[in-house]
Amino acid sequence: MAKWTPKHEAPEPLEGPVVATITGGTILWFVLFLVQLPFYGWFDDHGHTWWVWTCLAGAGLGLIGIWYVRKRDAAIKRAAALG
C-alpha cells in the first residue's frame, strides 16, 4: 500500500472571531435546552429525552470551549506582543 502524499500545500487556517463564535454556539445550545424543558414529558413519552440532554451537554461543553478559546486568544496576543 503506497503512502498518500499531498499534491499541493495546505492553505493557511482561517482566523475569525473565535471567542464570539463559540460563545454564540454555547448560548444557542442553552436556549435550545430551555425551550425543550417545558416539553420534557412529551420527550419522555416518545423516548426522545436524549434531545434535551444533548442540548445541555452542548452548553456544558461550550463553556469549556469558551474557557479554552479565551486562553488561546490571550496566548496568541502575548506571543504577537513579544515578537
N, C-alpha and C. Protein backbone atom coordinates (compact mmCIF):
# COMPACT_ATOMS: atom_id res chain seq x y z
N MET A 1 0.85 -1.17 0.00
CA MET A 1 0.00 0.00 0.00
C MET A 1 0.90 1.24 0.00
N ALA A 2 0.70 2.11 -0.95
CA ALA A 2 1.52 3.31 -1.08
C ALA A 2 1.04 4.39 -0.12
N LYS A 3 2.01 5.15 0.38
CA LYS A 3 1.67 6.24 1.28
C LYS A 3 1.15 7.43 0.47
N TRP A 4 0.09 8.05 0.95
CA TRP A 4 -0.51 9.19 0.26
C TRP A 4 0.32 10.44 0.54
N THR A 5 0.61 11.19 -0.50
CA THR A 5 1.32 12.47 -0.33
C THR A 5 0.48 13.55 -0.99
N PRO A 6 0.38 14.71 -0.34
CA PRO A 6 -0.42 15.80 -0.92
C PRO A 6 0.23 16.34 -2.18
N LYS A 7 -0.60 16.80 -3.11
CA LYS A 7 -0.10 17.35 -4.36
C LYS A 7 0.14 18.86 -4.28
N HIS A 8 -0.39 19.49 -3.24
CA HIS A 8 -0.21 20.93 -3.07
C HIS A 8 -0.17 21.25 -1.58
N GLU A 9 0.30 22.44 -1.26
CA GLU A 9 0.38 22.82 0.15
C GLU A 9 -0.99 23.16 0.71
N ALA A 10 -1.15 22.91 1.99
CA ALA A 10 -2.42 23.23 2.66
C ALA A 10 -2.54 24.75 2.79
N PRO A 11 -3.75 25.27 2.67
CA PRO A 11 -3.94 26.72 2.83
C PRO A 11 -3.76 27.14 4.29
N GLU A 12 -3.52 28.41 4.48
CA GLU A 12 -3.41 28.95 5.84
C GLU A 12 -4.75 28.81 6.55
N PRO A 13 -4.73 28.53 7.86
CA PRO A 13 -6.00 28.42 8.57
C PRO A 13 -6.71 29.77 8.65
N LEU A 14 -8.03 29.73 8.60
CA LEU A 14 -8.81 30.95 8.70
C LEU A 14 -8.94 31.35 10.16
N GLU A 15 -8.70 32.59 10.45
CA GLU A 15 -8.89 33.11 11.80
C GLU A 15 -10.04 34.10 11.75
N GLY A 16 -10.91 34.00 12.70
CA GLY A 16 -12.05 34.89 12.77
C GLY A 16 -12.38 35.18 14.22
N PRO A 17 -13.58 35.63 14.47
CA PRO A 17 -13.98 35.91 15.85
C PRO A 17 -14.31 34.61 16.58
N VAL A 18 -13.28 33.87 16.96
CA VAL A 18 -13.45 32.54 17.52
C VAL A 18 -14.21 32.59 18.85
N VAL A 19 -13.84 33.51 19.73
CA VAL A 19 -14.49 33.58 21.04
C VAL A 19 -15.97 33.89 20.86
N ALA A 20 -16.30 34.82 19.99
CA ALA A 20 -17.70 35.18 19.76
C ALA A 20 -18.47 34.00 19.14
N THR A 21 -17.84 33.27 18.25
CA THR A 21 -18.49 32.13 17.62
C THR A 21 -18.81 31.04 18.63
N ILE A 22 -17.84 30.70 19.48
CA ILE A 22 -18.05 29.66 20.48
C ILE A 22 -19.07 30.12 21.52
N THR A 23 -19.00 31.39 21.90
CA THR A 23 -19.97 31.92 22.87
C THR A 23 -21.39 31.88 22.29
N GLY A 24 -21.54 32.29 21.05
CA GLY A 24 -22.84 32.24 20.39
C GLY A 24 -23.39 30.83 20.30
N GLY A 25 -22.54 29.88 19.96
CA GLY A 25 -22.97 28.49 19.89
C GLY A 25 -23.38 27.94 21.24
N THR A 26 -22.65 28.31 22.29
CA THR A 26 -22.97 27.87 23.64
C THR A 26 -24.32 28.44 24.08
N ILE A 27 -24.54 29.70 23.80
CA ILE A 27 -25.83 30.32 24.14
C ILE A 27 -26.95 29.63 23.39
N LEU A 28 -26.73 29.32 22.13
CA LEU A 28 -27.75 28.64 21.32
C LEU A 28 -28.09 27.27 21.91
N TRP A 29 -27.10 26.49 22.29
CA TRP A 29 -27.35 25.18 22.91
C TRP A 29 -28.16 25.34 24.19
N PHE A 30 -27.80 26.34 25.01
CA PHE A 30 -28.51 26.53 26.28
C PHE A 30 -29.95 26.98 26.05
N VAL A 31 -30.16 27.85 25.08
CA VAL A 31 -31.52 28.30 24.75
C VAL A 31 -32.35 27.11 24.25
N LEU A 32 -31.76 26.27 23.41
CA LEU A 32 -32.47 25.08 22.94
C LEU A 32 -32.84 24.17 24.10
N PHE A 33 -31.95 24.04 25.08
CA PHE A 33 -32.26 23.26 26.28
C PHE A 33 -33.45 23.85 27.02
N LEU A 34 -33.42 25.17 27.24
CA LEU A 34 -34.52 25.82 27.97
C LEU A 34 -35.85 25.74 27.23
N VAL A 35 -35.81 25.83 25.90
CA VAL A 35 -37.04 25.75 25.11
C VAL A 35 -37.64 24.35 25.18
N GLN A 36 -36.82 23.32 25.24
CA GLN A 36 -37.32 21.95 25.27
C GLN A 36 -37.75 21.51 26.67
N LEU A 37 -37.26 22.16 27.69
CA LEU A 37 -37.53 21.74 29.06
C LEU A 37 -39.01 21.66 29.41
N PRO A 38 -39.85 22.64 29.02
CA PRO A 38 -41.28 22.51 29.34
C PRO A 38 -41.96 21.30 28.68
N PHE A 39 -41.37 20.76 27.63
CA PHE A 39 -41.93 19.63 26.90
C PHE A 39 -41.26 18.31 27.29
N TYR A 40 -40.61 18.29 28.44
CA TYR A 40 -39.88 17.10 28.86
C TYR A 40 -40.79 15.87 28.91
N GLY A 41 -42.02 16.03 29.37
CA GLY A 41 -42.95 14.91 29.43
C GLY A 41 -43.20 14.30 28.07
N TRP A 42 -43.39 15.15 27.04
CA TRP A 42 -43.61 14.65 25.69
C TRP A 42 -42.38 13.89 25.20
N PHE A 43 -41.19 14.48 25.42
CA PHE A 43 -39.96 13.81 25.01
C PHE A 43 -39.82 12.46 25.72
N ASP A 44 -40.18 12.41 27.01
CA ASP A 44 -40.09 11.18 27.78
C ASP A 44 -41.07 10.13 27.25
N ASP A 45 -42.28 10.55 26.94
CA ASP A 45 -43.30 9.63 26.42
C ASP A 45 -42.88 9.02 25.07
N HIS A 46 -42.17 9.78 24.28
CA HIS A 46 -41.79 9.32 22.93
C HIS A 46 -40.36 8.78 22.86
N GLY A 47 -39.69 8.70 23.99
CA GLY A 47 -38.33 8.15 24.00
C GLY A 47 -37.28 9.07 23.41
N HIS A 48 -37.51 10.38 23.51
CA HIS A 48 -36.57 11.34 22.94
C HIS A 48 -35.94 12.25 23.98
N THR A 49 -35.81 11.79 25.21
CA THR A 49 -35.22 12.66 26.25
C THR A 49 -33.77 12.99 25.94
N TRP A 50 -33.14 12.17 25.11
CA TRP A 50 -31.75 12.45 24.76
C TRP A 50 -31.61 13.79 24.04
N TRP A 51 -32.67 14.26 23.38
CA TRP A 51 -32.63 15.57 22.73
C TRP A 51 -32.38 16.67 23.75
N VAL A 52 -33.09 16.58 24.87
CA VAL A 52 -32.95 17.59 25.93
C VAL A 52 -31.54 17.55 26.50
N TRP A 53 -31.08 16.34 26.83
CA TRP A 53 -29.77 16.20 27.47
C TRP A 53 -28.62 16.50 26.51
N THR A 54 -28.84 16.29 25.21
CA THR A 54 -27.82 16.66 24.23
C THR A 54 -27.61 18.17 24.23
N CYS A 55 -28.71 18.93 24.32
CA CYS A 55 -28.59 20.39 24.35
C CYS A 55 -27.87 20.85 25.60
N LEU A 56 -28.16 20.23 26.74
CA LEU A 56 -27.46 20.59 27.97
C LEU A 56 -25.98 20.23 27.88
N ALA A 57 -25.67 19.09 27.30
CA ALA A 57 -24.27 18.69 27.13
C ALA A 57 -23.55 19.67 26.19
N GLY A 58 -24.23 20.10 25.13
CA GLY A 58 -23.64 21.07 24.22
C GLY A 58 -23.33 22.38 24.92
N ALA A 59 -24.23 22.81 25.80
CA ALA A 59 -23.99 24.05 26.55
C ALA A 59 -22.82 23.87 27.52
N GLY A 60 -22.78 22.72 28.19
CA GLY A 60 -21.68 22.47 29.12
C GLY A 60 -20.33 22.39 28.42
N LEU A 61 -20.29 21.67 27.31
CA LEU A 61 -19.04 21.59 26.55
C LEU A 61 -18.68 22.95 25.94
N GLY A 62 -19.69 23.72 25.62
CA GLY A 62 -19.45 25.07 25.11
C GLY A 62 -18.76 25.95 26.15
N LEU A 63 -19.14 25.78 27.43
CA LEU A 63 -18.46 26.54 28.49
C LEU A 63 -16.99 26.20 28.56
N ILE A 64 -16.67 24.92 28.40
CA ILE A 64 -15.26 24.51 28.35
C ILE A 64 -14.59 25.12 27.12
N GLY A 65 -15.32 25.13 26.00
CA GLY A 65 -14.79 25.72 24.77
C GLY A 65 -14.52 27.21 24.91
N ILE A 66 -15.41 27.93 25.59
CA ILE A 66 -15.20 29.36 25.81
C ILE A 66 -13.93 29.58 26.62
N TRP A 67 -13.77 28.80 27.68
CA TRP A 67 -12.57 28.91 28.50
C TRP A 67 -11.33 28.66 27.64
N TYR A 68 -11.36 27.61 26.82
CA TYR A 68 -10.22 27.24 26.00
C TYR A 68 -9.87 28.32 24.98
N VAL A 69 -10.87 28.81 24.23
CA VAL A 69 -10.56 29.77 23.17
C VAL A 69 -10.15 31.12 23.74
N ARG A 70 -10.65 31.48 24.92
CA ARG A 70 -10.19 32.74 25.55
C ARG A 70 -8.72 32.63 25.94
N LYS A 71 -8.33 31.47 26.51
CA LYS A 71 -6.92 31.24 26.85
C LYS A 71 -6.06 31.23 25.59
N ARG A 72 -6.53 30.58 24.54
CA ARG A 72 -5.80 30.51 23.28
C ARG A 72 -5.62 31.90 22.68
N ASP A 73 -6.70 32.68 22.67
CA ASP A 73 -6.64 34.03 22.13
C ASP A 73 -5.65 34.89 22.90
N ALA A 74 -5.66 34.77 24.23
CA ALA A 74 -4.72 35.54 25.06
C ALA A 74 -3.28 35.10 24.78
N ALA A 75 -3.05 33.81 24.59
CA ALA A 75 -1.70 33.31 24.31
C ALA A 75 -1.21 33.81 22.95
N ILE A 76 -2.10 33.83 21.96
CA ILE A 76 -1.72 34.33 20.63
C ILE A 76 -1.36 35.81 20.72
N LYS A 77 -2.14 36.58 21.46
CA LYS A 77 -1.86 38.02 21.60
C LYS A 77 -0.55 38.25 22.35
N ARG A 78 -0.27 37.44 23.38
CA ARG A 78 1.01 37.57 24.11
C ARG A 78 2.18 37.25 23.21
N ALA A 79 2.06 36.19 22.43
CA ALA A 79 3.13 35.80 21.51
C ALA A 79 3.38 36.88 20.46
N ALA A 80 2.31 37.51 19.96
CA ALA A 80 2.45 38.58 18.96
C ALA A 80 3.11 39.80 19.58
N ALA A 81 2.83 40.09 20.84
CA ALA A 81 3.41 41.25 21.51
C ALA A 81 4.90 41.05 21.77
N LEU A 82 5.32 39.80 21.99
CA LEU A 82 6.73 39.52 22.27
C LEU A 82 7.59 39.56 21.02
N GLY A 83 7.00 39.38 19.91
CA GLY A 83 7.84 39.48 18.74
C GLY A 83 7.35 38.70 17.64
